[in-house]
Amino acid sequence: MELAQDKIDLIEKIIKNDRKFANNEDLYDDFFNETCKRSLVIVKTITSDATLEAYLRKIATTSILNVLKDSGRLRRSRNGFMPTHEVSLETAAGSPSLDYSDVKIVYDTADIADSPEDLVLQKEVVTRVISALDKINEAEPDKQFLNIYKLRYENGMTQKEIAEELNLSQSEVSKRLFKLMEKVKQFFN
């Protein structure tokens, strides 16, 4: 079975946009072949482009992880997967005989290149979101949308933690977050 050119282009785009593709470009052929092999049945059965793209993203991510693990460039740690050339801080701190010249610490960089126009636009969007949240919460105060929003996005709590905090099920918190997102989208439209 062969894939149509548009499907091949979509797979290529998904692989190249995956964050694990950076610094592993030499394994592109392996990523592509593994993704194609795993997605043949899906590509032939799904007709919706959006659904197909979502499935292909999952398949590509899994394929990339498998190729990186098989090539020895990625290993599983307690915190997920990490490159083999990096050492977690817990490992570095707990190992007194570790040669610290090999330790590579990776920091997320802050993007300070925002122009004044970008900052004004961001402030306007945040103001509109806050206004939408207030109106949504006023319309249905029993759903605790504002409280759920603050716990999730300001306090960084997981859905499970929010559920415990508000004495709700995790699925109910998930439904309310999704409903809130849909209502905010409607407010912007």
N, C-alpha and C. Protein backbone atom coordinates (compact mmCIF):
# COMPACT_ATOMS: atom_id res chain seq x y z
N MET A 1 0.83 -1.19 0.00
CA MET A 1 0.00 0.00 0.00
C MET A 1 0.87 1.24 0.00
N GLU A 2 0.45 2.22 -0.76
CA GLU A 2 1.18 3.47 -0.80
C GLU A 2 0.29 4.59 -0.29
N LEU A 3 0.93 5.62 0.24
CA LEU A 3 0.20 6.78 0.74
C LEU A 3 0.12 7.84 -0.34
N ALA A 4 -0.97 8.58 -0.34
CA ALA A 4 -1.12 9.69 -1.28
C ALA A 4 -0.13 10.79 -0.91
N GLN A 5 0.23 11.60 -1.89
CA GLN A 5 1.24 12.64 -1.66
C GLN A 5 0.81 13.63 -0.58
N ASP A 6 -0.48 13.96 -0.50
CA ASP A 6 -0.92 14.91 0.53
C ASP A 6 -0.75 14.33 1.93
N LYS A 7 -0.93 13.01 2.06
CA LYS A 7 -0.72 12.35 3.37
C LYS A 7 0.76 12.32 3.71
N ILE A 8 1.60 12.07 2.72
CA ILE A 8 3.05 12.06 2.93
C ILE A 8 3.51 13.44 3.37
N ASP A 9 3.00 14.49 2.70
CA ASP A 9 3.36 15.86 3.07
C ASP A 9 2.91 16.19 4.48
N LEU A 10 1.71 15.71 4.86
CA LEU A 10 1.20 15.96 6.20
C LEU A 10 2.08 15.28 7.25
N ILE A 11 2.46 14.04 7.01
CA ILE A 11 3.33 13.32 7.94
C ILE A 11 4.68 14.03 8.05
N GLU A 12 5.23 14.45 6.93
CA GLU A 12 6.51 15.17 6.93
C GLU A 12 6.40 16.45 7.76
N LYS A 13 5.32 17.20 7.56
CA LYS A 13 5.12 18.45 8.31
C LYS A 13 5.02 18.18 9.81
N ILE A 14 4.26 17.15 10.18
CA ILE A 14 4.07 16.82 11.59
C ILE A 14 5.40 16.43 12.23
N ILE A 15 6.18 15.62 11.54
CA ILE A 15 7.47 15.20 12.09
C ILE A 15 8.40 16.40 12.26
N LYS A 16 8.48 17.25 11.26
CA LYS A 16 9.39 18.39 11.34
C LYS A 16 8.95 19.43 12.36
N ASN A 17 7.66 19.46 12.72
CA ASN A 17 7.18 20.38 13.74
C ASN A 17 7.26 19.82 15.15
N ASP A 18 7.58 18.54 15.27
CA ASP A 18 7.71 17.94 16.60
C ASP A 18 8.97 18.47 17.27
N ARG A 19 8.87 18.80 18.55
CA ARG A 19 10.02 19.41 19.24
C ARG A 19 11.19 18.45 19.40
N LYS A 20 10.95 17.16 19.32
CA LYS A 20 12.05 16.20 19.45
C LYS A 20 12.82 16.04 18.13
N PHE A 21 12.27 16.61 17.05
CA PHE A 21 12.95 16.54 15.76
C PHE A 21 14.22 17.40 15.76
N ALA A 22 14.18 18.52 16.50
CA ALA A 22 15.35 19.40 16.58
C ALA A 22 16.53 18.63 17.16
N ASN A 23 17.67 18.79 16.58
CA ASN A 23 18.92 18.12 16.96
C ASN A 23 18.92 16.62 16.65
N ASN A 24 17.88 16.14 15.99
CA ASN A 24 17.83 14.73 15.58
C ASN A 24 17.45 14.61 14.11
N GLU A 25 17.77 15.65 13.33
CA GLU A 25 17.41 15.68 11.92
C GLU A 25 17.99 14.50 11.14
N ASP A 26 19.13 14.00 11.60
CA ASP A 26 19.77 12.88 10.91
C ASP A 26 18.92 11.61 10.97
N LEU A 27 17.96 11.54 11.88
CA LEU A 27 17.10 10.37 12.00
C LEU A 27 15.76 10.56 11.29
N TYR A 28 15.65 11.58 10.46
CA TYR A 28 14.38 11.89 9.80
C TYR A 28 13.81 10.68 9.05
N ASP A 29 14.65 9.99 8.28
CA ASP A 29 14.16 8.84 7.51
C ASP A 29 13.57 7.78 8.42
N ASP A 30 14.22 7.53 9.55
CA ASP A 30 13.71 6.55 10.50
C ASP A 30 12.38 7.02 11.10
N PHE A 31 12.30 8.32 11.46
CA PHE A 31 11.05 8.87 11.98
C PHE A 31 9.93 8.70 10.96
N PHE A 32 10.23 9.06 9.71
CA PHE A 32 9.23 9.01 8.65
C PHE A 32 8.77 7.58 8.38
N ASN A 33 9.72 6.65 8.25
CA ASN A 33 9.37 5.27 7.96
C ASN A 33 8.54 4.64 9.09
N GLU A 34 8.93 4.89 10.31
CA GLU A 34 8.20 4.34 11.46
C GLU A 34 6.79 4.92 11.52
N THR A 35 6.65 6.21 11.29
CA THR A 35 5.33 6.85 11.31
C THR A 35 4.45 6.31 10.19
N CYS A 36 5.00 6.17 9.00
CA CYS A 36 4.22 5.64 7.88
C CYS A 36 3.78 4.20 8.16
N LYS A 37 4.69 3.40 8.67
CA LYS A 37 4.39 2.00 8.95
C LYS A 37 3.24 1.90 9.96
N ARG A 38 3.26 2.75 10.99
CA ARG A 38 2.24 2.70 12.04
C ARG A 38 0.92 3.33 11.60
N SER A 39 0.93 4.16 10.59
CA SER A 39 -0.28 4.92 10.25
C SER A 39 -1.01 4.44 9.01
N LEU A 40 -0.53 3.41 8.35
CA LEU A 40 -1.17 2.97 7.11
C LEU A 40 -2.65 2.67 7.28
N VAL A 41 -3.01 1.93 8.30
CA VAL A 41 -4.42 1.56 8.49
C VAL A 41 -5.25 2.79 8.82
N ILE A 42 -4.72 3.67 9.67
CA ILE A 42 -5.45 4.87 10.08
C ILE A 42 -5.72 5.78 8.88
N VAL A 43 -4.71 5.98 8.05
CA VAL A 43 -4.84 6.88 6.90
C VAL A 43 -5.93 6.39 5.95
N LYS A 44 -6.05 5.09 5.80
CA LYS A 44 -7.03 4.54 4.87
C LYS A 44 -8.45 4.56 5.42
N THR A 45 -8.61 4.62 6.75
CA THR A 45 -9.96 4.51 7.32
C THR A 45 -10.56 5.84 7.75
N ILE A 46 -9.76 6.83 8.12
CA ILE A 46 -10.29 8.10 8.61
C ILE A 46 -10.49 9.06 7.45
N THR A 47 -11.67 9.67 7.41
CA THR A 47 -11.98 10.58 6.31
C THR A 47 -11.84 12.04 6.71
N SER A 48 -12.02 12.36 7.97
CA SER A 48 -11.94 13.75 8.43
C SER A 48 -10.48 14.19 8.52
N ASP A 49 -10.15 15.32 7.87
CA ASP A 49 -8.77 15.81 7.87
C ASP A 49 -8.29 16.17 9.27
N ALA A 50 -9.15 16.81 10.06
CA ALA A 50 -8.76 17.22 11.41
C ALA A 50 -8.50 16.01 12.29
N THR A 51 -9.37 15.02 12.20
CA THR A 51 -9.19 13.79 12.99
C THR A 51 -7.94 13.06 12.55
N LEU A 52 -7.73 12.98 11.25
CA LEU A 52 -6.54 12.30 10.73
C LEU A 52 -5.28 12.98 11.23
N GLU A 53 -5.25 14.31 11.18
CA GLU A 53 -4.06 15.03 11.63
C GLU A 53 -3.81 14.78 13.12
N ALA A 54 -4.87 14.76 13.93
CA ALA A 54 -4.71 14.50 15.36
C ALA A 54 -4.13 13.11 15.60
N TYR A 55 -4.67 12.10 14.89
CA TYR A 55 -4.13 10.75 15.03
C TYR A 55 -2.68 10.67 14.57
N LEU A 56 -2.39 11.31 13.44
CA LEU A 56 -1.03 11.27 12.93
C LEU A 56 -0.04 11.93 13.88
N ARG A 57 -0.46 13.00 14.57
CA ARG A 57 0.42 13.64 15.55
C ARG A 57 0.77 12.65 16.67
N LYS A 58 -0.23 11.93 17.16
CA LYS A 58 0.02 10.93 18.22
C LYS A 58 0.95 9.84 17.71
N ILE A 59 0.67 9.35 16.51
CA ILE A 59 1.48 8.28 15.94
C ILE A 59 2.91 8.76 15.72
N ALA A 60 3.08 9.97 15.19
CA ALA A 60 4.42 10.51 14.94
C ALA A 60 5.18 10.68 16.25
N THR A 61 4.51 11.19 17.28
CA THR A 61 5.18 11.37 18.58
C THR A 61 5.67 10.03 19.11
N THR A 62 4.81 9.02 19.05
CA THR A 62 5.19 7.68 19.52
C THR A 62 6.33 7.13 18.68
N SER A 63 6.25 7.30 17.38
CA SER A 63 7.29 6.79 16.48
C SER A 63 8.63 7.46 16.76
N ILE A 64 8.61 8.78 16.94
CA ILE A 64 9.85 9.52 17.22
C ILE A 64 10.45 9.06 18.54
N LEU A 65 9.62 8.90 19.57
CA LEU A 65 10.13 8.42 20.86
C LEU A 65 10.76 7.04 20.71
N ASN A 66 10.10 6.14 19.98
CA ASN A 66 10.63 4.78 19.80
C ASN A 66 11.95 4.80 19.05
N VAL A 67 12.05 5.60 17.99
CA VAL A 67 13.30 5.67 17.23
C VAL A 67 14.42 6.25 18.11
N LEU A 68 14.11 7.29 18.87
CA LEU A 68 15.13 7.89 19.74
C LEU A 68 15.58 6.92 20.83
N LYS A 69 14.64 6.16 21.40
CA LYS A 69 15.01 5.16 22.40
C LYS A 69 15.87 4.07 21.77
N ASP A 70 15.43 3.58 20.60
CA ASP A 70 16.17 2.51 19.92
C ASP A 70 17.57 2.96 19.51
N SER A 71 17.73 4.24 19.18
CA SER A 71 19.04 4.73 18.75
C SER A 71 19.92 5.13 19.95
N GLY A 72 19.37 5.02 21.16
CA GLY A 72 20.15 5.34 22.35
C GLY A 72 20.25 6.81 22.66
N ARG A 73 19.39 7.64 22.06
CA ARG A 73 19.43 9.08 22.30
C ARG A 73 18.44 9.54 23.35
N LEU A 74 17.61 8.63 23.83
CA LEU A 74 16.58 9.01 24.77
C LEU A 74 16.44 7.88 25.78
N ARG A 75 16.21 8.26 27.02
CA ARG A 75 15.99 7.25 28.04
C ARG A 75 14.86 7.71 28.94
N ARG A 76 14.22 6.74 29.58
CA ARG A 76 13.11 7.04 30.47
C ARG A 76 13.67 7.37 31.85
N SER A 77 13.11 8.42 32.45
CA SER A 77 13.46 8.77 33.82
C SER A 77 12.17 8.89 34.62
N ARG A 78 12.29 9.20 35.90
CA ARG A 78 11.09 9.35 36.73
C ARG A 78 10.22 10.49 36.23
N ASN A 79 10.81 11.48 35.61
CA ASN A 79 10.07 12.65 35.15
C ASN A 79 9.70 12.57 33.69
N GLY A 80 9.75 11.41 33.08
CA GLY A 80 9.43 11.26 31.67
C GLY A 80 10.67 10.85 30.88
N PHE A 81 10.76 11.29 29.65
CA PHE A 81 11.90 10.97 28.80
C PHE A 81 12.88 12.12 28.80
N MET A 82 14.17 11.80 28.74
CA MET A 82 15.19 12.83 28.66
C MET A 82 16.32 12.35 27.76
N PRO A 83 16.99 13.28 27.09
CA PRO A 83 18.12 12.89 26.25
C PRO A 83 19.21 12.21 27.08
N THR A 84 19.92 11.28 26.48
CA THR A 84 20.93 10.55 27.23
C THR A 84 22.15 11.41 27.55
N HIS A 85 22.35 12.53 26.85
CA HIS A 85 23.50 13.38 27.13
C HIS A 85 23.22 14.37 28.26
N GLU A 86 21.97 14.38 28.78
CA GLU A 86 21.63 15.26 29.89
C GLU A 86 21.48 14.42 31.14
N VAL A 87 21.75 15.02 32.29
CA VAL A 87 21.61 14.35 33.58
C VAL A 87 20.62 15.16 34.39
N SER A 88 19.63 14.50 34.98
CA SER A 88 18.65 15.23 35.78
C SER A 88 19.32 15.79 37.02
N LEU A 89 18.79 16.87 37.55
CA LEU A 89 19.38 17.49 38.73
C LEU A 89 19.33 16.57 39.94
N GLU A 90 18.25 15.74 40.04
CA GLU A 90 18.18 14.80 41.17
C GLU A 90 19.34 13.80 41.10
N THR A 91 19.64 13.33 39.89
CA THR A 91 20.75 12.39 39.72
C THR A 91 22.07 13.07 40.05
N ALA A 92 22.24 14.29 39.58
CA ALA A 92 23.49 15.00 39.81
C ALA A 92 23.68 15.28 41.30
N ALA A 93 22.61 15.65 41.99
CA ALA A 93 22.72 15.97 43.42
C ALA A 93 22.96 14.71 44.25
N GLY A 94 22.41 13.57 43.84
CA GLY A 94 22.51 12.36 44.63
C GLY A 94 23.74 11.54 44.36
N SER A 95 24.57 11.94 43.45
CA SER A 95 25.73 11.16 43.07
C SER A 95 27.01 11.94 43.38
N PRO A 96 27.65 11.67 44.53
CA PRO A 96 28.83 12.43 44.90
C PRO A 96 30.03 12.19 43.98
N SER A 97 30.08 11.06 43.29
CA SER A 97 31.23 10.76 42.44
C SER A 97 31.01 11.21 41.00
N LEU A 98 29.93 11.96 40.74
CA LEU A 98 29.65 12.41 39.38
C LEU A 98 30.61 13.50 38.95
N ASP A 99 31.10 13.37 37.74
CA ASP A 99 31.97 14.39 37.17
C ASP A 99 31.07 15.50 36.64
N TYR A 100 31.05 16.64 37.32
CA TYR A 100 30.11 17.71 37.00
C TYR A 100 30.42 18.42 35.69
N SER A 101 31.54 18.13 35.07
CA SER A 101 31.82 18.73 33.77
C SER A 101 30.90 18.15 32.70
N ASP A 102 30.32 16.97 32.95
CA ASP A 102 29.40 16.35 32.00
C ASP A 102 27.95 16.78 32.21
N VAL A 103 27.66 17.47 33.29
CA VAL A 103 26.29 17.85 33.60
C VAL A 103 25.89 19.03 32.74
N LYS A 104 24.76 18.88 32.06
CA LYS A 104 24.23 19.94 31.23
C LYS A 104 22.89 20.36 31.81
N ILE A 105 22.77 21.60 32.23
CA ILE A 105 21.53 22.10 32.79
C ILE A 105 20.82 22.89 31.71
N VAL A 106 19.56 22.57 31.49
CA VAL A 106 18.78 23.20 30.44
C VAL A 106 17.73 24.10 31.08
N TYR A 107 17.71 25.36 30.68
CA TYR A 107 16.73 26.32 31.18
C TYR A 107 15.81 26.74 30.05
N ASP A 108 14.55 26.97 30.39
CA ASP A 108 13.64 27.57 29.42
C ASP A 108 14.01 29.04 29.30
N THR A 109 14.11 29.51 28.08
CA THR A 109 14.50 30.90 27.88
C THR A 109 13.27 31.78 27.84
N ALA A 110 13.40 32.96 28.38
CA ALA A 110 12.31 33.92 28.36
C ALA A 110 12.36 34.69 27.05
N ASP A 111 11.21 34.92 26.47
CA ASP A 111 11.13 35.66 25.22
C ASP A 111 10.91 37.13 25.56
N ILE A 112 11.98 37.91 25.48
CA ILE A 112 11.86 39.33 25.82
C ILE A 112 11.83 40.20 24.57
N ALA A 113 11.65 39.56 23.43
CA ALA A 113 11.67 40.29 22.17
C ALA A 113 10.29 40.85 21.79
N ASP A 114 9.35 40.87 22.75
CA ASP A 114 8.03 41.40 22.44
C ASP A 114 8.11 42.89 22.19
N SER A 115 7.49 43.30 21.12
CA SER A 115 7.45 44.72 20.80
C SER A 115 6.36 45.38 21.64
N PRO A 116 6.36 46.71 21.73
CA PRO A 116 5.30 47.39 22.48
C PRO A 116 3.90 47.08 21.92
N GLU A 117 3.80 46.91 20.60
CA GLU A 117 2.52 46.56 20.00
C GLU A 117 2.05 45.19 20.48
N ASP A 118 2.99 44.24 20.54
CA ASP A 118 2.64 42.90 21.02
C ASP A 118 2.15 42.95 22.47
N LEU A 119 2.83 43.74 23.28
CA LEU A 119 2.43 43.85 24.67
C LEU A 119 1.04 44.46 24.82
N VAL A 120 0.73 45.46 24.00
CA VAL A 120 -0.61 46.07 24.04
C VAL A 120 -1.66 45.05 23.61
N LEU A 121 -1.37 44.28 22.56
CA LEU A 121 -2.31 43.26 22.09
C LEU A 121 -2.52 42.18 23.15
N GLN A 122 -1.43 41.76 23.80
CA GLN A 122 -1.54 40.75 24.85
C GLN A 122 -2.40 41.27 26.00
N LYS A 123 -2.19 42.54 26.37
CA LYS A 123 -2.97 43.12 27.46
C LYS A 123 -4.44 43.19 27.08
N GLU A 124 -4.72 43.54 25.83
CA GLU A 124 -6.11 43.62 25.36
C GLU A 124 -6.77 42.24 25.39
N VAL A 125 -6.04 41.22 24.94
CA VAL A 125 -6.59 39.87 24.95
C VAL A 125 -6.86 39.41 26.37
N VAL A 126 -5.92 39.65 27.27
CA VAL A 126 -6.11 39.26 28.67
C VAL A 126 -7.30 39.98 29.27
N THR A 127 -7.44 41.26 28.97
CA THR A 127 -8.58 42.03 29.47
C THR A 127 -9.89 41.45 28.96
N ARG A 128 -9.93 41.08 27.69
CA ARG A 128 -11.15 40.50 27.11
C ARG A 128 -11.45 39.13 27.73
N VAL A 129 -10.41 38.33 27.98
CA VAL A 129 -10.62 37.01 28.60
C VAL A 129 -11.17 37.19 30.01
N ILE A 130 -10.60 38.13 30.78
CA ILE A 130 -11.08 38.37 32.13
C ILE A 130 -12.53 38.83 32.11
N SER A 131 -12.86 39.72 31.19
CA SER A 131 -14.23 40.20 31.06
C SER A 131 -15.17 39.04 30.72
N ALA A 132 -14.73 38.18 29.80
CA ALA A 132 -15.54 37.02 29.42
C ALA A 132 -15.73 36.09 30.61
N LEU A 133 -14.67 35.86 31.38
CA LEU A 133 -14.76 34.98 32.55
C LEU A 133 -15.75 35.53 33.57
N ASP A 134 -15.70 36.83 33.79
CA ASP A 134 -16.64 37.45 34.74
C ASP A 134 -18.08 37.26 34.28
N LYS A 135 -18.36 37.51 33.01
CA LYS A 135 -19.73 37.37 32.49
C LYS A 135 -20.18 35.91 32.53
N ILE A 136 -19.30 35.01 32.17
CA ILE A 136 -19.64 33.58 32.18
C ILE A 136 -19.93 33.13 33.60
N ASN A 137 -19.12 33.57 34.54
CA ASN A 137 -19.29 33.18 35.93
C ASN A 137 -20.59 33.76 36.50
N GLU A 138 -20.92 35.00 36.12
CA GLU A 138 -22.17 35.61 36.58
C GLU A 138 -23.38 34.85 36.05
N ALA A 139 -23.30 34.37 34.82
CA ALA A 139 -24.42 33.66 34.21
C ALA A 139 -24.68 32.30 34.88
N GLU A 140 -23.60 31.63 35.30
CA GLU A 140 -23.73 30.31 35.93
C GLU A 140 -22.81 30.23 37.15
N PRO A 141 -23.16 30.91 38.25
CA PRO A 141 -22.26 30.91 39.42
C PRO A 141 -22.11 29.53 40.07
N ASP A 142 -23.12 28.67 39.93
CA ASP A 142 -23.05 27.35 40.54
C ASP A 142 -22.00 26.45 39.89
N LYS A 143 -21.57 26.77 38.67
CA LYS A 143 -20.56 25.97 37.97
C LYS A 143 -19.14 26.31 38.41
N GLN A 144 -18.96 27.39 39.14
CA GLN A 144 -17.65 27.81 39.68
C GLN A 144 -16.58 27.96 38.59
N PHE A 145 -16.98 28.48 37.44
CA PHE A 145 -16.04 28.63 36.33
C PHE A 145 -14.83 29.48 36.70
N LEU A 146 -15.07 30.60 37.35
CA LEU A 146 -13.98 31.51 37.70
C LEU A 146 -13.02 30.85 38.69
N ASN A 147 -13.57 30.15 39.66
CA ASN A 147 -12.75 29.46 40.65
C ASN A 147 -11.92 28.35 39.98
N ILE A 148 -12.54 27.58 39.10
CA ILE A 148 -11.83 26.51 38.39
C ILE A 148 -10.72 27.10 37.52
N TYR A 149 -11.04 28.22 36.84
CA TYR A 149 -10.03 28.88 36.01
C TYR A 149 -8.82 29.30 36.85
N LYS A 150 -9.07 29.95 37.99
CA LYS A 150 -7.97 30.42 38.84
C LYS A 150 -7.13 29.26 39.35
N LEU A 151 -7.80 28.20 39.79
CA LEU A 151 -7.05 27.05 40.31
C LEU A 151 -6.20 26.40 39.21
N ARG A 152 -6.75 26.32 38.01
CA ARG A 152 -6.04 25.64 36.92
C ARG A 152 -4.92 26.50 36.33
N TYR A 153 -5.26 27.74 35.97
CA TYR A 153 -4.31 28.53 35.19
C TYR A 153 -3.50 29.52 36.01
N GLU A 154 -3.98 29.93 37.16
CA GLU A 154 -3.19 30.83 37.98
C GLU A 154 -2.39 30.06 39.03
N ASN A 155 -3.01 29.02 39.61
CA ASN A 155 -2.32 28.23 40.63
C ASN A 155 -1.61 27.02 40.04
N GLY A 156 -1.90 26.69 38.78
CA GLY A 156 -1.23 25.57 38.10
C GLY A 156 -1.61 24.20 38.64
N MET A 157 -2.79 24.08 39.21
CA MET A 157 -3.22 22.80 39.77
C MET A 157 -3.69 21.86 38.65
N THR A 158 -3.54 20.57 38.88
CA THR A 158 -4.03 19.59 37.91
C THR A 158 -5.54 19.42 38.09
N GLN A 159 -6.16 18.77 37.13
CA GLN A 159 -7.60 18.53 37.23
C GLN A 159 -7.93 17.69 38.45
N LYS A 160 -7.08 16.74 38.76
CA LYS A 160 -7.30 15.88 39.92
C LYS A 160 -7.24 16.71 41.21
N GLU A 161 -6.27 17.60 41.31
CA GLU A 161 -6.15 18.46 42.49
C GLU A 161 -7.35 19.40 42.62
N ILE A 162 -7.79 19.93 41.49
CA ILE A 162 -8.97 20.82 41.51
C ILE A 162 -10.20 20.04 41.96
N ALA A 163 -10.34 18.81 41.45
CA ALA A 163 -11.48 17.98 41.84
C ALA A 163 -11.50 17.75 43.34
N GLU A 164 -10.34 17.48 43.92
CA GLU A 164 -10.26 17.27 45.37
C GLU A 164 -10.57 18.55 46.12
N GLU A 165 -10.07 19.67 45.62
CA GLU A 165 -10.28 20.97 46.26
C GLU A 165 -11.76 21.36 46.28
N LEU A 166 -12.45 21.13 45.16
CA LEU A 166 -13.84 21.56 45.02
C LEU A 166 -14.85 20.45 45.29
N ASN A 167 -14.35 19.28 45.67
CA ASN A 167 -15.21 18.13 45.96
C ASN A 167 -16.06 17.75 44.74
N LEU A 168 -15.41 17.66 43.60
CA LEU A 168 -16.04 17.26 42.34
C LEU A 168 -15.27 16.06 41.79
N SER A 169 -15.85 15.42 40.78
CA SER A 169 -15.10 14.35 40.11
C SER A 169 -14.14 15.00 39.11
N GLN A 170 -13.08 14.28 38.77
CA GLN A 170 -12.12 14.80 37.81
C GLN A 170 -12.78 14.98 36.45
N SER A 171 -13.67 14.07 36.09
CA SER A 171 -14.35 14.21 34.79
C SER A 171 -15.23 15.46 34.76
N GLU A 172 -15.84 15.81 35.90
CA GLU A 172 -16.66 17.02 35.96
C GLU A 172 -15.79 18.27 35.80
N VAL A 173 -14.62 18.26 36.42
CA VAL A 173 -13.69 19.39 36.27
C VAL A 173 -13.26 19.51 34.81
N SER A 174 -12.97 18.37 34.20
CA SER A 174 -12.58 18.37 32.79
C SER A 174 -13.70 18.92 31.91
N LYS A 175 -14.93 18.49 32.15
CA LYS A 175 -16.08 18.98 31.38
C LYS A 175 -16.24 20.48 31.55
N ARG A 176 -16.11 20.95 32.77
CA ARG A 176 -16.30 22.38 33.03
C ARG A 176 -15.19 23.21 32.39
N LEU A 177 -13.96 22.72 32.43
CA LEU A 177 -12.87 23.44 31.76
C LEU A 177 -13.11 23.51 30.26
N PHE A 178 -13.57 22.41 29.67
CA PHE A 178 -13.85 22.39 28.24
C PHE A 178 -15.00 23.35 27.93
N LYS A 179 -16.05 23.29 28.75
CA LYS A 179 -17.21 24.17 28.54
C LYS A 179 -16.79 25.63 28.67
N LEU A 180 -15.93 25.91 29.64
CA LEU A 180 -15.44 27.27 29.84
C LEU A 180 -14.66 27.74 28.61
N MET A 181 -13.81 26.87 28.08
CA MET A 181 -13.04 27.21 26.89
C MET A 181 -13.98 27.53 25.72
N GLU A 182 -15.02 26.71 25.55
CA GLU A 182 -15.98 26.94 24.47
C GLU A 182 -16.71 28.26 24.67
N LYS A 183 -17.09 28.59 25.90
CA LYS A 183 -17.81 29.83 26.18
C LYS A 183 -16.91 31.05 25.93
N VAL A 184 -15.64 30.95 26.29
CA VAL A 184 -14.71 32.06 26.04
C VAL A 184 -14.54 32.25 24.53
N LYS A 185 -14.45 31.15 23.79
CA LYS A 185 -14.34 31.25 22.32
C LYS A 185 -15.58 31.95 21.75
N GLN A 186 -16.76 31.58 22.24
CA GLN A 186 -17.99 32.21 21.78
C GLN A 186 -17.98 33.72 22.10
N PHE A 187 -17.46 34.07 23.27
CA PHE A 187 -17.41 35.47 23.66
C PHE A 187 -16.54 36.25 22.70
N PHE A 188 -15.45 35.65 22.22
CA PHE A 188 -14.55 36.34 21.28
C PHE A 188 -15.16 36.45 19.89
N ASN A 189 -16.05 35.52 19.56
CA ASN A 189 -16.71 35.58 18.25
C ASN A 189 -17.86 36.56 18.33
